[in-house]
N, C-alpha and C. Protein backbone atom coordinates (compact mmCIF):
# COMPACT_ATOMS: atom_id res chain seq x y z
N MET A 1 -4.47 -23.16 13.93
CA MET A 1 -3.95 -22.47 12.77
C MET A 1 -4.18 -20.97 12.96
N PHE A 2 -3.32 -20.18 12.37
CA PHE A 2 -3.40 -18.73 12.52
C PHE A 2 -3.17 -18.08 11.16
N ASN A 3 -3.50 -16.80 11.10
CA ASN A 3 -3.34 -16.06 9.85
C ASN A 3 -1.98 -15.37 9.78
N VAL A 4 -1.42 -15.36 8.59
CA VAL A 4 -0.21 -14.60 8.28
C VAL A 4 -0.58 -13.70 7.11
N THR A 5 -0.45 -12.40 7.32
CA THR A 5 -0.80 -11.44 6.27
C THR A 5 0.47 -10.79 5.76
N LEU A 6 0.68 -10.88 4.45
CA LEU A 6 1.83 -10.26 3.82
C LEU A 6 1.35 -9.09 2.97
N TYR A 7 1.80 -7.90 3.33
CA TYR A 7 1.57 -6.70 2.52
C TYR A 7 2.78 -6.57 1.61
N TYR A 8 2.57 -6.69 0.33
CA TYR A 8 3.69 -6.74 -0.60
C TYR A 8 3.49 -5.80 -1.78
N ARG A 9 4.56 -5.65 -2.55
CA ARG A 9 4.52 -4.82 -3.77
C ARG A 9 4.70 -5.73 -4.97
N GLN A 10 4.04 -5.39 -6.05
CA GLN A 10 4.15 -6.15 -7.28
C GLN A 10 5.60 -6.16 -7.77
N ASN A 11 5.98 -7.28 -8.36
CA ASN A 11 7.31 -7.41 -8.98
C ASN A 11 8.46 -7.12 -8.03
N ASP A 12 8.27 -7.42 -6.75
CA ASP A 12 9.31 -7.21 -5.75
C ASP A 12 9.96 -8.55 -5.41
N PRO A 13 11.23 -8.75 -5.75
CA PRO A 13 11.88 -10.04 -5.49
C PRO A 13 11.89 -10.41 -4.00
N GLU A 14 12.03 -9.43 -3.13
CA GLU A 14 12.03 -9.71 -1.69
C GLU A 14 10.67 -10.26 -1.25
N SER A 15 9.60 -9.70 -1.77
CA SER A 15 8.26 -10.20 -1.44
C SER A 15 8.10 -11.64 -1.91
N GLN A 16 8.57 -11.96 -3.10
CA GLN A 16 8.46 -13.33 -3.60
C GLN A 16 9.26 -14.29 -2.75
N LYS A 17 10.42 -13.85 -2.29
CA LYS A 17 11.24 -14.68 -1.41
C LYS A 17 10.50 -14.99 -0.11
N ILE A 18 9.82 -13.99 0.43
CA ILE A 18 9.06 -14.18 1.67
C ILE A 18 7.90 -15.15 1.43
N ILE A 19 7.20 -14.99 0.32
CA ILE A 19 6.10 -15.91 -0.01
C ILE A 19 6.63 -17.34 -0.10
N ASP A 20 7.75 -17.52 -0.78
CA ASP A 20 8.35 -18.86 -0.90
C ASP A 20 8.74 -19.41 0.47
N ASN A 21 9.33 -18.56 1.32
CA ASN A 21 9.71 -19.00 2.67
C ASN A 21 8.49 -19.40 3.49
N LEU A 22 7.42 -18.61 3.40
CA LEU A 22 6.21 -18.93 4.16
C LEU A 22 5.59 -20.24 3.69
N HIS A 23 5.59 -20.49 2.39
CA HIS A 23 5.09 -21.77 1.88
C HIS A 23 5.96 -22.92 2.39
N ALA A 24 7.28 -22.73 2.38
CA ALA A 24 8.19 -23.77 2.83
C ALA A 24 8.04 -24.06 4.33
N LEU A 25 7.68 -23.06 5.10
CA LEU A 25 7.54 -23.21 6.55
C LEU A 25 6.15 -23.66 6.98
N SER A 26 5.24 -23.81 6.03
CA SER A 26 3.85 -24.11 6.39
C SER A 26 3.66 -25.50 7.00
N ASP A 27 4.57 -26.44 6.74
CA ASP A 27 4.47 -27.76 7.39
C ASP A 27 4.80 -27.67 8.88
N ARG A 28 5.84 -26.91 9.21
CA ARG A 28 6.24 -26.74 10.62
C ARG A 28 5.31 -25.81 11.37
N PHE A 29 4.84 -24.78 10.66
CA PHE A 29 3.99 -23.77 11.28
C PHE A 29 2.74 -23.59 10.41
N PRO A 30 1.75 -24.46 10.57
CA PRO A 30 0.55 -24.36 9.72
C PRO A 30 -0.12 -22.99 9.88
N HIS A 31 -0.39 -22.34 8.76
CA HIS A 31 -0.98 -21.01 8.79
C HIS A 31 -1.77 -20.76 7.51
N ASN A 32 -2.64 -19.77 7.59
CA ASN A 32 -3.37 -19.28 6.43
C ASN A 32 -2.64 -18.06 5.92
N LEU A 33 -2.16 -18.11 4.69
CA LEU A 33 -1.43 -16.99 4.12
C LEU A 33 -2.39 -16.07 3.37
N ILE A 34 -2.41 -14.82 3.79
CA ILE A 34 -3.24 -13.80 3.15
C ILE A 34 -2.29 -12.82 2.47
N LEU A 35 -2.44 -12.70 1.16
CA LEU A 35 -1.57 -11.81 0.38
C LEU A 35 -2.31 -10.54 0.02
N ILE A 36 -1.73 -9.40 0.37
CA ILE A 36 -2.35 -8.12 0.06
C ILE A 36 -1.35 -7.29 -0.75
N ASP A 37 -1.70 -7.08 -2.00
CA ASP A 37 -0.87 -6.29 -2.91
C ASP A 37 -1.19 -4.82 -2.67
N ILE A 38 -0.26 -4.09 -2.06
CA ILE A 38 -0.54 -2.70 -1.71
C ILE A 38 -0.63 -1.80 -2.94
N ASP A 39 -0.10 -2.28 -4.08
CA ASP A 39 -0.15 -1.46 -5.30
C ASP A 39 -1.54 -1.38 -5.91
N THR A 40 -2.47 -2.20 -5.42
CA THR A 40 -3.83 -2.19 -5.98
C THR A 40 -4.76 -1.23 -5.25
N ASP A 41 -4.27 -0.61 -4.19
CA ASP A 41 -5.11 0.29 -3.39
C ASP A 41 -4.29 1.50 -2.98
N ASN A 42 -4.72 2.68 -3.38
CA ASN A 42 -3.95 3.90 -3.08
C ASN A 42 -3.75 4.13 -1.59
N ASP A 43 -4.78 3.84 -0.78
CA ASP A 43 -4.64 4.03 0.67
C ASP A 43 -3.57 3.10 1.25
N LEU A 44 -3.61 1.83 0.84
CA LEU A 44 -2.61 0.88 1.32
C LEU A 44 -1.22 1.25 0.83
N LYS A 45 -1.15 1.67 -0.42
CA LYS A 45 0.14 2.05 -0.99
C LYS A 45 0.74 3.22 -0.23
N GLN A 46 -0.08 4.20 0.06
CA GLN A 46 0.39 5.38 0.80
C GLN A 46 0.82 4.99 2.22
N ARG A 47 0.07 4.09 2.83
CA ARG A 47 0.35 3.72 4.22
C ARG A 47 1.57 2.81 4.36
N TYR A 48 1.74 1.86 3.41
CA TYR A 48 2.76 0.84 3.58
C TYR A 48 3.91 0.90 2.58
N ALA A 49 3.92 1.84 1.67
CA ALA A 49 4.93 1.87 0.60
C ALA A 49 6.36 1.82 1.13
N THR A 50 6.63 2.55 2.21
CA THR A 50 8.00 2.58 2.73
C THR A 50 8.30 1.43 3.68
N GLN A 51 7.27 0.63 4.01
CA GLN A 51 7.45 -0.46 4.96
C GLN A 51 7.40 -1.84 4.31
N ALA A 52 6.88 -1.93 3.10
CA ALA A 52 6.69 -3.22 2.45
C ALA A 52 8.02 -3.80 2.02
N PRO A 53 8.17 -5.11 2.07
CA PRO A 53 7.18 -6.07 2.52
C PRO A 53 7.02 -6.05 4.04
N LEU A 54 5.81 -6.26 4.45
CA LEU A 54 5.42 -6.21 5.86
C LEU A 54 4.62 -7.47 6.15
N VAL A 55 4.97 -8.18 7.21
CA VAL A 55 4.27 -9.41 7.56
C VAL A 55 3.65 -9.27 8.94
N ARG A 56 2.36 -9.53 9.02
CA ARG A 56 1.66 -9.57 10.30
C ARG A 56 1.36 -11.03 10.60
N ILE A 57 1.90 -11.50 11.73
CA ILE A 57 1.72 -12.88 12.16
C ILE A 57 1.09 -12.82 13.54
N GLY A 58 -0.23 -13.02 13.59
CA GLY A 58 -0.93 -12.84 14.85
C GLY A 58 -0.68 -11.42 15.35
N PRO A 59 -0.20 -11.27 16.59
CA PRO A 59 0.06 -9.93 17.12
C PRO A 59 1.44 -9.39 16.74
N TYR A 60 2.21 -10.17 16.00
CA TYR A 60 3.59 -9.80 15.68
C TYR A 60 3.67 -9.15 14.31
N LEU A 61 4.59 -8.21 14.18
CA LEU A 61 4.73 -7.46 12.94
C LEU A 61 6.20 -7.41 12.55
N LEU A 62 6.48 -7.84 11.33
CA LEU A 62 7.84 -7.77 10.79
C LEU A 62 7.84 -6.81 9.62
N ARG A 63 8.73 -5.85 9.66
CA ARG A 63 8.84 -4.87 8.58
C ARG A 63 10.08 -5.19 7.75
N GLN A 64 10.15 -4.63 6.56
CA GLN A 64 11.21 -4.91 5.59
C GLN A 64 12.56 -5.19 6.23
N ASN A 65 13.35 -5.96 5.50
CA ASN A 65 14.71 -6.32 5.90
C ASN A 65 14.77 -7.24 7.12
N PHE A 66 13.83 -8.15 7.24
CA PHE A 66 13.91 -9.13 8.31
C PHE A 66 14.44 -10.44 7.73
N SER A 67 15.00 -11.26 8.59
CA SER A 67 15.63 -12.51 8.14
C SER A 67 14.63 -13.67 8.20
N GLN A 68 15.04 -14.79 7.62
CA GLN A 68 14.21 -15.99 7.72
C GLN A 68 14.12 -16.43 9.18
N ALA A 69 15.19 -16.23 9.94
CA ALA A 69 15.16 -16.56 11.36
C ALA A 69 14.11 -15.73 12.09
N ASP A 70 14.01 -14.44 11.76
CA ASP A 70 12.97 -13.58 12.36
C ASP A 70 11.58 -14.13 12.03
N LEU A 71 11.41 -14.56 10.79
CA LEU A 71 10.14 -15.11 10.34
C LEU A 71 9.81 -16.38 11.13
N GLU A 72 10.80 -17.26 11.29
CA GLU A 72 10.58 -18.50 12.03
C GLU A 72 10.25 -18.24 13.50
N VAL A 73 10.92 -17.27 14.11
CA VAL A 73 10.65 -16.94 15.52
C VAL A 73 9.21 -16.43 15.66
N ALA A 74 8.79 -15.53 14.78
CA ALA A 74 7.42 -14.99 14.85
C ALA A 74 6.39 -16.08 14.60
N LEU A 75 6.64 -16.95 13.62
CA LEU A 75 5.73 -18.07 13.35
C LEU A 75 5.65 -19.00 14.55
N GLY A 76 6.79 -19.31 15.14
CA GLY A 76 6.81 -20.19 16.32
C GLY A 76 6.07 -19.57 17.50
N ALA A 77 6.25 -18.29 17.72
CA ALA A 77 5.55 -17.61 18.82
C ALA A 77 4.05 -17.59 18.58
N ALA A 78 3.63 -17.34 17.34
CA ALA A 78 2.20 -17.33 17.03
C ALA A 78 1.61 -18.74 17.20
N LYS A 79 2.35 -19.75 16.77
CA LYS A 79 1.88 -21.14 16.93
C LYS A 79 1.74 -21.47 18.41
N ASP A 80 2.72 -21.08 19.21
CA ASP A 80 2.65 -21.32 20.65
C ASP A 80 1.43 -20.65 21.27
N ARG A 81 1.11 -19.43 20.85
CA ARG A 81 -0.07 -18.72 21.36
C ARG A 81 -1.34 -19.49 21.03
N VAL A 82 -1.44 -19.97 19.82
CA VAL A 82 -2.62 -20.74 19.39
C VAL A 82 -2.70 -22.04 20.18
N ASP A 83 -1.57 -22.71 20.34
CA ASP A 83 -1.55 -23.98 21.08
C ASP A 83 -1.96 -23.79 22.54
N ARG A 84 -1.49 -22.71 23.15
CA ARG A 84 -1.87 -22.44 24.55
C ARG A 84 -3.35 -22.13 24.67
N LYS A 85 -3.89 -21.38 23.73
CA LYS A 85 -5.32 -21.03 23.78
C LYS A 85 -6.19 -22.25 23.59
N SER A 86 -5.74 -23.22 22.80
CA SER A 86 -6.56 -24.40 22.55
C SER A 86 -6.56 -25.35 23.75
N VAL A 87 -5.57 -25.22 24.65
CA VAL A 87 -5.51 -26.05 25.85
C VAL A 87 -6.49 -25.54 26.90
N VAL A 88 -6.69 -24.25 26.94
CA VAL A 88 -7.54 -23.64 27.97
C VAL A 88 -8.99 -23.92 27.72
């Protein structure tokens, strides 16, 4: 299992859509979802305001305006990395 971190903004429909997609994909790609509301921290808000929603999946980073297919590819790649490491 691997971590997926979503940097999101409050009351953002796109962020909610991503959260819903990540929950729906959790059976195929088991992950720990970490939600970080950038509006609760001035430093995070300043750093990520123009990039949110932003998803970090292992070493992969998806910035705003990515598709569900992009999300699935990144989740699959992260899962493959975890699977390879567990074999070694």
